[in-house]
């Protein structure tokens, strides 16, 4: 289906998929795109990204979580002001840093600014679009986001629905990782009281975060050992977060579609229902659904939402 003008369309979405192929698997960038800058990652505590130029457009692609430092960004669930709403602090700060690195090209761009990513990259790409649209008032910014997690208050989601297209594959666990769900997991594995089973919680969190890195497609050598070193501080952050209620609930960015694929090959795309109760027992099963190839393979064949 064709999309209305000034909206994410399937041509844009498919181009973003090919960019993710380059980011994840080293496939060639589609012509005439040319990579201009690459920054972040490598233990910097900043998201790894590259910016490419093609015709009059620029493309900002952010990598998913593949090194332990990335989870410090994801787990900073504090709320910060953005425009007339609230946003996930870790992702907001990461997006502002990427914008700062790309500002020269953003200011010079006479075409479209298209942001994309998977997992952490999906969340940051959506936030970049939100900042540039809602704070700077730019009219040429879009995002295609695979497997992000809740980052915006409901009013900001409504304001960005036309410009951000998000996807969730089957039971992917990452889009369910908000402060409420994390609190449920912590309470389940480590209930309050003097007999807190911190070892069980640490083991579960280690397995979950290691699984997310594996499924991202970018995991680096030595990441497991580095994760083990950072794990105590991450678990402590989760324990503190689970004991403090959040005043503002955050939601998935933009228009979010649920890709539901069955073993017999039937694939449907529907609006993602965030009100569906999350089964905490399905957490580990949902890790396989986080694999980026699930998104690449299915989005490429979709005709897009009906008008």
C-alpha atoms as a PDB file:
ATOM      1  CA  UNK A   1       0.000   0.000   0.000  1.00  0.00           C
ATOM      2  CA  UNK A   2       1.156   3.550  -0.631  1.00  0.00           C
ATOM      3  CA  UNK A   3       1.594   5.757   2.413  1.00  0.00           C
ATOM      4  CA  UNK A   4       0.292   9.311   2.729  1.00  0.00           C
ATOM      5  CA  UNK A   5       2.738  12.100   1.988  1.00  0.00           C
ATOM      6  CA  UNK A   6       5.027  13.075   4.897  1.00  0.00           C
ATOM      7  CA  UNK A   7       4.814   9.614   6.425  1.00  0.00           C
ATOM      8  CA  UNK A   8       7.036   6.545   6.674  1.00  0.00           C
ATOM      9  CA  UNK A   9       6.371   4.405   3.600  1.00  0.00           C
ATOM     10  CA  UNK A  10       7.424   0.882   2.700  1.00  0.00           C
ATOM     11  CA  UNK A  11      10.104   2.032   0.273  1.00  0.00           C
ATOM     12  CA  UNK A  12      11.725   3.837   3.182  1.00  0.00           C
ATOM     13  CA  UNK A  13      11.210   0.829   5.481  1.00  0.00           C
ATOM     14  CA  UNK A  14      12.801  -1.600   3.009  1.00  0.00           C
ATOM     15  CA  UNK A  15      15.764   0.698   2.490  1.00  0.00           C
ATOM     16  CA  UNK A  16      16.246   0.740   6.257  1.00  0.00           C
ATOM     17  CA  UNK A  17      16.196  -3.069   6.217  1.00  0.00           C
ATOM     18  CA  UNK A  18      19.049  -3.136   3.698  1.00  0.00           C
ATOM     19  CA  UNK A  19      20.959  -0.696   5.908  1.00  0.00           C
ATOM     20  CA  UNK A  20      20.472  -3.094   8.833  1.00  0.00           C
ATOM     21  CA  UNK A  21      21.808  -5.909   6.631  1.00  0.00           C
ATOM     22  CA  UNK A  22      24.957  -3.826   6.196  1.00  0.00           C
ATOM     23  CA  UNK A  23      25.166  -3.032   9.921  1.00  0.00           C
ATOM     24  CA  UNK A  24      24.616  -6.633  11.048  1.00  0.00           C
ATOM     25  CA  UNK A  25      26.095  -8.833   8.350  1.00  0.00           C
ATOM     26  CA  UNK A  26      28.360  -6.642   6.241  1.00  0.00           C
ATOM     27  CA  UNK A  27      26.120  -6.680   3.175  1.00  0.00           C
ATOM     28  CA  UNK A  28      26.866  -3.818   0.736  1.00  0.00           C
ATOM     29  CA  UNK A  29      25.131  -0.515   1.329  1.00  0.00           C
ATOM     30  CA  UNK A  30      22.615   0.148  -1.440  1.00  0.00           C
ATOM     31  CA  UNK A  31      23.745   2.643  -4.085  1.00  0.00           C
ATOM     32  CA  UNK A  32      24.197   5.612  -3.861  1.00  0.00           C
ATOM     33  CA  UNK A  33      24.641   5.476  -0.067  1.00  0.00           C
ATOM     34  CA  UNK A  34      28.122   6.176   1.242  1.00  0.00           C
ATOM     35  CA  UNK A  35      29.174   5.922   4.889  1.00  0.00           C
ATOM     36  CA  UNK A  36      30.498   9.244   6.171  1.00  0.00           C
ATOM     37  CA  UNK A  37      31.101   8.894   9.914  1.00  0.00           C
ATOM     38  CA  UNK A  38      31.183   6.055  12.462  1.00  0.00           C
ATOM     39  CA  UNK A  39      31.271   6.720  16.198  1.00  0.00           C
ATOM     40  CA  UNK A  40      30.472   5.268  19.628  1.00  0.00           C
ATOM     41  CA  UNK A  41      30.789   1.748  21.001  1.00  0.00           C
ATOM     42  CA  UNK A  42      34.136   0.189  21.950  1.00  0.00           C
ATOM     43  CA  UNK A  43      33.562   0.675  25.663  1.00  0.00           C
ATOM     44  CA  UNK A  44      32.675   4.359  25.330  1.00  0.00           C
ATOM     45  CA  UNK A  45      29.267   3.983  26.959  1.00  0.00           C
ATOM     46  CA  UNK A  46      27.760   5.611  23.852  1.00  0.00           C
ATOM     47  CA  UNK A  47      25.728   3.796  21.179  1.00  0.00           C
ATOM     48  CA  UNK A  48      27.651   2.707  18.099  1.00  0.00           C
ATOM     49  CA  UNK A  49      26.276   4.292  14.926  1.00  0.00           C
ATOM     50  CA  UNK A  50      27.154   5.351  11.428  1.00  0.00           C
ATOM     51  CA  UNK A  51      25.837   8.116   9.198  1.00  0.00           C
ATOM     52  CA  UNK A  52      25.540   7.620   5.449  1.00  0.00           C
ATOM     53  CA  UNK A  53      24.685  10.054   2.667  1.00  0.00           C
ATOM     54  CA  UNK A  54      22.827   9.324  -0.537  1.00  0.00           C
ATOM     55  CA  UNK A  55      21.390  11.817  -3.010  1.00  0.00           C
ATOM     56  CA  UNK A  56      20.043  14.610  -0.792  1.00  0.00           C
ATOM     57  CA  UNK A  57      19.194  12.317   2.134  1.00  0.00           C
ATOM     58  CA  UNK A  58      21.136  11.254   5.209  1.00  0.00           C
ATOM     59  CA  UNK A  59      20.717   7.947   7.047  1.00  0.00           C
ATOM     60  CA  UNK A  60      21.599   7.368  10.695  1.00  0.00           C
ATOM     61  CA  UNK A  61      21.851   3.698  11.674  1.00  0.00           C
ATOM     62  CA  UNK A  62      22.308   2.761  15.340  1.00  0.00           C
ATOM     63  CA  UNK A  63      23.537  -0.667  16.429  1.00  0.00           C
ATOM     64  CA  UNK A  64      21.671  -2.868  18.882  1.00  0.00           C
ATOM     65  CA  UNK A  65      23.029  -3.763  22.319  1.00  0.00           C
ATOM     66  CA  UNK A  66      26.112  -5.914  21.767  1.00  0.00           C
ATOM     67  CA  UNK A  67      28.466  -4.821  24.528  1.00  0.00           C
ATOM     68  CA  UNK A  68      27.742  -4.662  28.254  1.00  0.00           C
ATOM     69  CA  UNK A  69      28.030  -0.872  28.424  1.00  0.00           C
ATOM     70  CA  UNK A  70      24.986  -0.616  26.160  1.00  0.00           C
ATOM     71  CA  UNK A  71      22.771  -1.982  28.927  1.00  0.00           C
ATOM     72  CA  UNK A  72      23.601   0.972  31.156  1.00  0.00           C
ATOM     73  CA  UNK A  73      21.777   3.091  28.558  1.00  0.00           C
ATOM     74  CA  UNK A  74      18.817   0.719  28.335  1.00  0.00           C
ATOM     75  CA  UNK A  75      18.348   0.383  32.103  1.00  0.00           C
ATOM     76  CA  UNK A  76      18.373   4.103  32.880  1.00  0.00           C
ATOM     77  CA  UNK A  77      14.581   4.194  33.148  1.00  0.00           C
ATOM     78  CA  UNK A  78      14.318   7.592  34.852  1.00  0.00           C
ATOM     79  CA  UNK A  79      11.924  10.007  33.138  1.00  0.00           C
ATOM     80  CA  UNK A  80      13.131  13.234  31.547  1.00  0.00           C
ATOM     81  CA  UNK A  81      11.157  16.057  29.974  1.00  0.00           C
ATOM     82  CA  UNK A  82      10.876  16.064  26.181  1.00  0.00           C
ATOM     83  CA  UNK A  83       8.699  18.706  24.522  1.00  0.00           C
ATOM     84  CA  UNK A  84       5.355  18.487  26.351  1.00  0.00           C
ATOM     85  CA  UNK A  85       5.850  14.928  27.593  1.00  0.00           C
ATOM     86  CA  UNK A  86       8.254  12.468  29.181  1.00  0.00           C
ATOM     87  CA  UNK A  87      10.965  10.214  27.778  1.00  0.00           C
ATOM     88  CA  UNK A  88      13.288   7.386  28.860  1.00  0.00           C
ATOM     89  CA  UNK A  89      16.376   9.188  30.214  1.00  0.00           C
ATOM     90  CA  UNK A  90      19.027   6.743  29.022  1.00  0.00           C
ATOM     91  CA  UNK A  91      17.711   6.689  25.462  1.00  0.00           C
ATOM     92  CA  UNK A  92      17.072  10.444  25.435  1.00  0.00           C
ATOM     93  CA  UNK A  93      20.664  11.191  26.459  1.00  0.00           C
ATOM     94  CA  UNK A  94      22.032   8.680  23.936  1.00  0.00           C
ATOM     95  CA  UNK A  95      19.946  10.219  21.145  1.00  0.00           C
ATOM     96  CA  UNK A  96      21.091  13.730  22.042  1.00  0.00           C
ATOM     97  CA  UNK A  97      24.705  12.547  21.843  1.00  0.00           C
ATOM     98  CA  UNK A  98      24.179  11.031  18.380  1.00  0.00           C
ATOM     99  CA  UNK A  99      22.493  14.245  17.205  1.00  0.00           C
ATOM    100  CA  UNK A 100      25.460  16.250  18.494  1.00  0.00           C
ATOM    101  CA  UNK A 101      27.852  14.056  16.477  1.00  0.00           C
ATOM    102  CA  UNK A 102      25.707  14.399  13.347  1.00  0.00           C
ATOM    103  CA  UNK A 103      24.677  18.048  13.692  1.00  0.00           C
ATOM    104  CA  UNK A 104      26.724  19.304  10.751  1.00  0.00           C
ATOM    105  CA  UNK A 105      25.053  16.846   8.374  1.00  0.00           C
ATOM    106  CA  UNK A 106      21.587  17.367   9.897  1.00  0.00           C
ATOM    107  CA  UNK A 107      21.838  21.128   9.383  1.00  0.00           C
ATOM    108  CA  UNK A 108      23.073  20.727   5.809  1.00  0.00           C
ATOM    109  CA  UNK A 109      20.487  18.110   4.773  1.00  0.00           C
ATOM    110  CA  UNK A 110      18.076  19.256   2.069  1.00  0.00           C
ATOM    111  CA  UNK A 111      16.349  15.901   1.703  1.00  0.00           C
ATOM    112  CA  UNK A 112      15.146  13.409   4.311  1.00  0.00           C
ATOM    113  CA  UNK A 113      16.806  12.425   7.571  1.00  0.00           C
ATOM    114  CA  UNK A 114      16.065   8.721   8.050  1.00  0.00           C
ATOM    115  CA  UNK A 115      16.982   6.961  11.295  1.00  0.00           C
ATOM    116  CA  UNK A 116      16.938   3.211  11.837  1.00  0.00           C
ATOM    117  CA  UNK A 117      18.067   0.506  14.215  1.00  0.00           C
ATOM    118  CA  UNK A 118      17.278  -2.722  16.036  1.00  0.00           C
ATOM    119  CA  UNK A 119      16.841  -3.181  19.808  1.00  0.00           C
ATOM    120  CA  UNK A 120      18.784  -0.388  21.544  1.00  0.00           C
ATOM    121  CA  UNK A 121      19.333   1.025  18.057  1.00  0.00           C
ATOM    122  CA  UNK A 122      15.605   0.990  17.385  1.00  0.00           C
ATOM    123  CA  UNK A 123      14.907   2.913  20.574  1.00  0.00           C
ATOM    124  CA  UNK A 124      17.641   5.494  19.936  1.00  0.00           C
ATOM    125  CA  UNK A 125      16.664   5.990  16.277  1.00  0.00           C
ATOM    126  CA  UNK A 126      13.056   6.655  17.309  1.00  0.00           C
ATOM    127  CA  UNK A 127      14.195   9.116  19.964  1.00  0.00           C
ATOM    128  CA  UNK A 128      16.386  11.001  17.479  1.00  0.00           C
ATOM    129  CA  UNK A 129      13.346  11.443  15.243  1.00  0.00           C
ATOM    130  CA  UNK A 130      11.234  12.578  18.213  1.00  0.00           C
ATOM    131  CA  UNK A 131      13.796  15.169  19.350  1.00  0.00           C
ATOM    132  CA  UNK A 132      14.326  16.628  15.892  1.00  0.00           C
ATOM    133  CA  UNK A 133      10.587  16.742  15.186  1.00  0.00           C
ATOM    134  CA  UNK A 134       9.277  17.924  18.556  1.00  0.00           C
ATOM    135  CA  UNK A 135      12.114  20.148  19.803  1.00  0.00           C
ATOM    136  CA  UNK A 136      13.701  21.491  16.653  1.00  0.00           C
ATOM    137  CA  UNK A 137      10.552  21.479  14.561  1.00  0.00           C
ATOM    138  CA  UNK A 138      12.188  19.725  11.592  1.00  0.00           C
ATOM    139  CA  UNK A 139       9.701  18.368   9.054  1.00  0.00           C
ATOM    140  CA  UNK A 140      11.974  15.956   7.195  1.00  0.00           C
ATOM    141  CA  UNK A 141      12.863  13.354   9.866  1.00  0.00           C
ATOM    142  CA  UNK A 142      11.634   9.728   9.979  1.00  0.00           C
ATOM    143  CA  UNK A 143      12.485   6.505  11.806  1.00  0.00           C
ATOM    144  CA  UNK A 144      12.063   2.789  11.120  1.00  0.00           C
ATOM    145  CA  UNK A 145      12.596   0.894  14.350  1.00  0.00           C
ATOM    146  CA  UNK A 146      12.855  -2.862  14.931  1.00  0.00           C
ATOM    147  CA  UNK A 147      12.408  -4.326  18.430  1.00  0.00           C
ATOM    148  CA  UNK A 148      12.618  -1.087  20.409  1.00  0.00           C
ATOM    149  CA  UNK A 149      11.229  -0.832  23.927  1.00  0.00           C
ATOM    150  CA  UNK A 150       8.899   1.731  25.563  1.00  0.00           C
ATOM    151  CA  UNK A 151      10.553   5.168  25.563  1.00  0.00           C
ATOM    152  CA  UNK A 152       7.857   7.870  25.210  1.00  0.00           C
ATOM    153  CA  UNK A 153       4.824   9.051  27.162  1.00  0.00           C
ATOM    154  CA  UNK A 154       1.491   8.441  25.444  1.00  0.00           C
ATOM    155  CA  UNK A 155       1.048  12.010  24.188  1.00  0.00           C
ATOM    156  CA  UNK A 156       4.454  11.952  22.462  1.00  0.00           C
ATOM    157  CA  UNK A 157       3.634   8.600  20.858  1.00  0.00           C
ATOM    158  CA  UNK A 158       0.517  10.156  19.338  1.00  0.00           C
ATOM    159  CA  UNK A 159       2.504  13.120  18.026  1.00  0.00           C
ATOM    160  CA  UNK A 160       5.041  10.886  16.259  1.00  0.00           C
ATOM    161  CA  UNK A 161       2.809   8.137  14.825  1.00  0.00           C
ATOM    162  CA  UNK A 162       3.159   9.396  11.244  1.00  0.00           C
ATOM    163  CA  UNK A 163       6.934   9.670  11.365  1.00  0.00           C
ATOM    164  CA  UNK A 164       8.032   6.555  13.262  1.00  0.00           C
ATOM    165  CA  UNK A 165       7.262   2.968  12.219  1.00  0.00           C
ATOM    166  CA  UNK A 166       8.102   0.315  14.822  1.00  0.00           C
ATOM    167  CA  UNK A 167       7.952  -3.479  14.711  1.00  0.00           C
ATOM    168  CA  UNK A 168       7.675  -6.301  17.260  1.00  0.00           C
ATOM    169  CA  UNK A 169       8.253  -9.912  16.160  1.00  0.00           C
ATOM    170  CA  UNK A 170       6.128 -12.623  17.828  1.00  0.00           C
ATOM    171  CA  UNK A 171       7.010 -12.790  21.551  1.00  0.00           C
ATOM    172  CA  UNK A 172      10.220 -10.753  21.411  1.00  0.00           C
ATOM    173  CA  UNK A 173      11.033  -9.958  25.034  1.00  0.00           C
ATOM    174  CA  UNK A 174      12.769  -6.605  24.470  1.00  0.00           C
ATOM    175  CA  UNK A 175       9.674  -4.541  23.539  1.00  0.00           C
ATOM    176  CA  UNK A 176       8.196  -5.592  26.899  1.00  0.00           C
ATOM    177  CA  UNK A 177      11.143  -4.346  28.949  1.00  0.00           C
ATOM    178  CA  UNK A 178       9.691  -1.354  30.728  1.00  0.00           C
ATOM    179  CA  UNK A 179      10.123  -0.498  34.389  1.00  0.00           C
ATOM    180  CA  UNK A 180       6.875  -2.267  35.345  1.00  0.00           C
ATOM    181  CA  UNK A 181       7.840  -5.566  33.694  1.00  0.00           C
ATOM    182  CA  UNK A 182      11.373  -5.416  35.067  1.00  0.00           C
ATOM    183  CA  UNK A 183       9.866  -4.871  38.509  1.00  0.00           C
ATOM    184  CA  UNK A 184       7.705  -7.986  38.048  1.00  0.00           C
ATOM    185  CA  UNK A 185      10.751 -10.038  37.078  1.00  0.00           C
ATOM    186  CA  UNK A 186      12.773  -8.781  40.016  1.00  0.00           C
ATOM    187  CA  UNK A 187       9.926  -9.462  42.460  1.00  0.00           C
ATOM    188  CA  UNK A 188       9.449 -12.942  41.042  1.00  0.00           C
ATOM    189  CA  UNK A 189      13.084 -14.003  41.268  1.00  0.00           C
ATOM    190  CA  UNK A 190      14.111 -11.854  44.204  1.00  0.00           C
ATOM    191  CA  UNK A 191      11.157 -10.987  46.478  1.00  0.00           C
ATOM    192  CA  UNK A 192      11.642  -8.263  49.102  1.00  0.00           C
ATOM    193  CA  UNK A 193      12.852  -9.302  52.520  1.00  0.00           C
ATOM    194  CA  UNK A 194      15.956 -10.601  54.264  1.00  0.00           C
ATOM    195  CA  UNK A 195      16.072 -13.789  52.178  1.00  0.00           C
ATOM    196  CA  UNK A 196      16.388 -12.130  48.782  1.00  0.00           C
ATOM    197  CA  UNK A 197      17.773 -14.660  46.334  1.00  0.00           C
ATOM    198  CA  UNK A 198      20.164 -12.289  44.609  1.00  0.00           C
ATOM    199  CA  UNK A 199      22.135 -15.172  43.091  1.00  0.00           C
ATOM    200  CA  UNK A 200      19.056 -16.438  41.247  1.00  0.00           C
ATOM    201  CA  UNK A 201      18.243 -12.942  39.994  1.00  0.00           C
ATOM    202  CA  UNK A 202      21.834 -12.385  38.884  1.00  0.00           C
ATOM    203  CA  UNK A 203      21.815 -15.656  36.952  1.00  0.00           C
ATOM    204  CA  UNK A 204      18.529 -14.831  35.247  1.00  0.00           C
ATOM    205  CA  UNK A 205      19.635 -11.304  34.301  1.00  0.00           C
ATOM    206  CA  UNK A 206      22.974 -12.616  33.004  1.00  0.00           C
ATOM    207  CA  UNK A 207      21.195 -15.166  30.814  1.00  0.00           C
ATOM    208  CA  UNK A 208      18.733 -12.598  29.509  1.00  0.00           C
ATOM    209  CA  UNK A 209      21.293  -9.887  28.698  1.00  0.00           C
ATOM    210  CA  UNK A 210      23.727 -12.375  27.158  1.00  0.00           C
ATOM    211  CA  UNK A 211      20.861 -13.730  25.034  1.00  0.00           C
ATOM    212  CA  UNK A 212      19.966 -10.228  23.849  1.00  0.00           C
ATOM    213  CA  UNK A 213      23.577  -9.621  22.805  1.00  0.00           C
ATOM    214  CA  UNK A 214      23.659 -12.942  20.941  1.00  0.00           C
ATOM    215  CA  UNK A 215      20.442 -12.233  19.046  1.00  0.00           C
ATOM    216  CA  UNK A 216      21.450  -8.687  18.101  1.00  0.00           C
ATOM    217  CA  UNK A 217      23.790  -9.995  15.402  1.00  0.00           C
ATOM    218  CA  UNK A 218      26.770  -7.879  16.495  1.00  0.00           C
ATOM    219  CA  UNK A 219      28.161  -9.577  19.600  1.00  0.00           C
ATOM    220  CA  UNK A 220      31.907  -9.109  20.083  1.00  0.00           C
ATOM    221  CA  UNK A 221      34.560 -11.414  21.538  1.00  0.00           C
ATOM    222  CA  UNK A 222      34.993 -11.003  25.275  1.00  0.00           C
ATOM    223  CA  UNK A 223      31.517  -9.573  25.810  1.00  0.00           C
ATOM    224  CA  UNK A 224      30.480 -12.386  28.153  1.00  0.00           C
ATOM    225  CA  UNK A 225      33.425 -11.753  30.495  1.00  0.00           C
ATOM    226  CA  UNK A 226      32.817  -8.000  30.435  1.00  0.00           C
ATOM    227  CA  UNK A 227      29.131  -8.557  31.182  1.00  0.00           C
ATOM    228  CA  UNK A 228      30.048 -10.659  34.226  1.00  0.00           C
ATOM    229  CA  UNK A 229      32.120  -7.751  35.562  1.00  0.00           C
ATOM    230  CA  UNK A 230      29.337  -5.205  35.091  1.00  0.00           C
ATOM    231  CA  UNK A 231      26.518  -7.472  36.228  1.00  0.00           C
ATOM    232  CA  UNK A 232      26.532  -6.600  39.966  1.00  0.00           C
ATOM    233  CA  UNK A 233      25.975  -2.890  39.267  1.00  0.00           C
ATOM    234  CA  UNK A 234      23.255  -3.674  36.704  1.00  0.00           C
ATOM    235  CA  UNK A 235      21.448  -5.985  39.134  1.00  0.00           C
ATOM    236  CA  UNK A 236      21.664  -3.353  41.868  1.00  0.00           C
ATOM    237  CA  UNK A 237      20.092  -0.817  39.514  1.00  0.00           C
ATOM    238  CA  UNK A 238      17.246  -3.229  38.771  1.00  0.00           C
ATOM    239  CA  UNK A 239      16.649  -3.860  42.474  1.00  0.00           C
ATOM    240  CA  UNK A 240      16.439  -0.137  43.173  1.00  0.00           C
ATOM    241  CA  UNK A 241      14.143   0.458  40.217  1.00  0.00           C
ATOM    242  CA  UNK A 242      11.739  -2.318  41.210  1.00  0.00           C
ATOM    243  CA  UNK A 243      11.153  -0.671  44.584  1.00  0.00           C
ATOM    244  CA  UNK A 244      10.121   2.703  43.164  1.00  0.00           C
ATOM    245  CA  UNK A 245       6.836   3.211  41.276  1.00  0.00           C
ATOM    246  CA  UNK A 246       6.979   5.287  38.092  1.00  0.00           C
ATOM    247  CA  UNK A 247       4.517   8.165  37.781  1.00  0.00           C
ATOM    248  CA  UNK A 248       4.520   8.273  33.972  1.00  0.00           C
ATOM    249  CA  UNK A 249       4.143   5.103  31.931  1.00  0.00           C
ATOM    250  CA  UNK A 250       6.166   4.884  28.733  1.00  0.00           C
ATOM    251  CA  UNK A 251       5.053   3.291  25.469  1.00  0.00           C
ATOM    252  CA  UNK A 252       6.434   1.990  22.179  1.00  0.00           C
ATOM    253  CA  UNK A 253       7.403   4.753  19.741  1.00  0.00           C
ATOM    254  CA  UNK A 254       5.290   5.766  16.756  1.00  0.00           C
ATOM    255  CA  UNK A 255       2.992   3.386  14.888  1.00  0.00           C
ATOM    256  CA  UNK A 256       3.939  -0.056  16.170  1.00  0.00           C
ATOM    257  CA  UNK A 257       3.148  -3.243  14.235  1.00  0.00           C
ATOM    258  CA  UNK A 258       3.147  -6.774  15.601  1.00  0.00           C
ATOM    259  CA  UNK A 259       4.626  -9.352  13.204  1.00  0.00           C
ATOM    260  CA  UNK A 260       2.996 -12.694  14.007  1.00  0.00           C
ATOM    261  CA  UNK A 261       4.586 -15.629  12.200  1.00  0.00           C
ATOM    262  CA  UNK A 262       3.475 -19.248  12.541  1.00  0.00           C
ATOM    263  CA  UNK A 263       5.591 -22.379  11.890  1.00  0.00           C
ATOM    264  CA  UNK A 264       3.590 -23.086   8.723  1.00  0.00           C
ATOM    265  CA  UNK A 265       4.742 -19.804   7.182  1.00  0.00           C
ATOM    266  CA  UNK A 266       1.672 -17.655   7.767  1.00  0.00           C
ATOM    267  CA  UNK A 267       2.648 -14.063   8.610  1.00  0.00           C
ATOM    268  CA  UNK A 268       0.324 -11.257   9.675  1.00  0.00           C
ATOM    269  CA  UNK A 269       0.952  -7.635  10.650  1.00  0.00           C
ATOM    270  CA  UNK A 270      -1.392  -6.056  13.192  1.00  0.00           C
ATOM    271  CA  UNK A 271      -1.259  -3.065  15.518  1.00  0.00           C
ATOM    272  CA  UNK A 272       0.820  -4.043  18.557  1.00  0.00           C
ATOM    273  CA  UNK A 273      -1.333  -4.237  21.678  1.00  0.00           C
ATOM    274  CA  UNK A 274       0.718  -3.048  24.643  1.00  0.00           C
ATOM    275  CA  UNK A 275      -2.145  -3.810  27.019  1.00  0.00           C
ATOM    276  CA  UNK A 276      -1.696  -7.562  26.518  1.00  0.00           C
ATOM    277  CA  UNK A 277      -0.433  -9.035  29.814  1.00  0.00           C
ATOM    278  CA  UNK A 278       3.206 -10.058  29.643  1.00  0.00           C
ATOM    279  CA  UNK A 279       3.914 -13.632  30.680  1.00  0.00           C
ATOM    280  CA  UNK A 280       7.107 -13.423  32.730  1.00  0.00           C
ATOM    281  CA  UNK A 281       7.625 -17.173  32.303  1.00  0.00           C
ATOM    282  CA  UNK A 282       8.003 -16.622  28.549  1.00  0.00           C
ATOM    283  CA  UNK A 283      11.007 -14.305  28.930  1.00  0.00           C
ATOM    284  CA  UNK A 284      13.677 -16.743  27.824  1.00  0.00           C
ATOM    285  CA  UNK A 285      11.544 -18.097  24.987  1.00  0.00           C
ATOM    286  CA  UNK A 286      11.170 -14.551  23.706  1.00  0.00           C
ATOM    287  CA  UNK A 287      14.916 -14.126  23.295  1.00  0.00           C
ATOM    288  CA  UNK A 288      15.008 -16.114  20.035  1.00  0.00           C
ATOM    289  CA  UNK A 289      12.305 -13.844  18.639  1.00  0.00           C
ATOM    290  CA  UNK A 290      14.640 -10.885  19.192  1.00  0.00           C
ATOM    291  CA  UNK A 291      16.978 -12.072  16.423  1.00  0.00           C
ATOM    292  CA  UNK A 292      17.288  -9.336  13.822  1.00  0.00           C
ATOM    293  CA  UNK A 293      16.863 -11.781  10.919  1.00  0.00           C
ATOM    294  CA  UNK A 294      13.236 -12.324  12.002  1.00  0.00           C
ATOM    295  CA  UNK A 295      12.611  -8.657  11.326  1.00  0.00           C
ATOM    296  CA  UNK A 296      14.647  -8.366   8.139  1.00  0.00           C
ATOM    297  CA  UNK A 297      13.052 -11.404   6.485  1.00  0.00           C
ATOM    298  CA  UNK A 298       9.442 -10.492   7.266  1.00  0.00           C
ATOM    299  CA  UNK A 299       9.381  -6.716   6.831  1.00  0.00           C
ATOM    300  CA  UNK A 300      10.927  -7.039   3.371  1.00  0.00           C
ATOM    301  CA  UNK A 301       7.891  -8.991   2.179  1.00  0.00           C
ATOM    302  CA  UNK A 302       5.209  -6.752   3.683  1.00  0.00           C
ATOM    303  CA  UNK A 303       3.112  -4.475   1.473  1.00  0.00           C
ATOM    304  CA  UNK A 304       2.525  -2.031   4.312  1.00  0.00           C
ATOM    305  CA  UNK A 305      -0.515  -0.951   6.347  1.00  0.00           C
ATOM    306  CA  UNK A 306      -3.837  -0.465   4.643  1.00  0.00           C
ATOM    307  CA  UNK A 307      -4.864   3.149   4.180  1.00  0.00           C
END
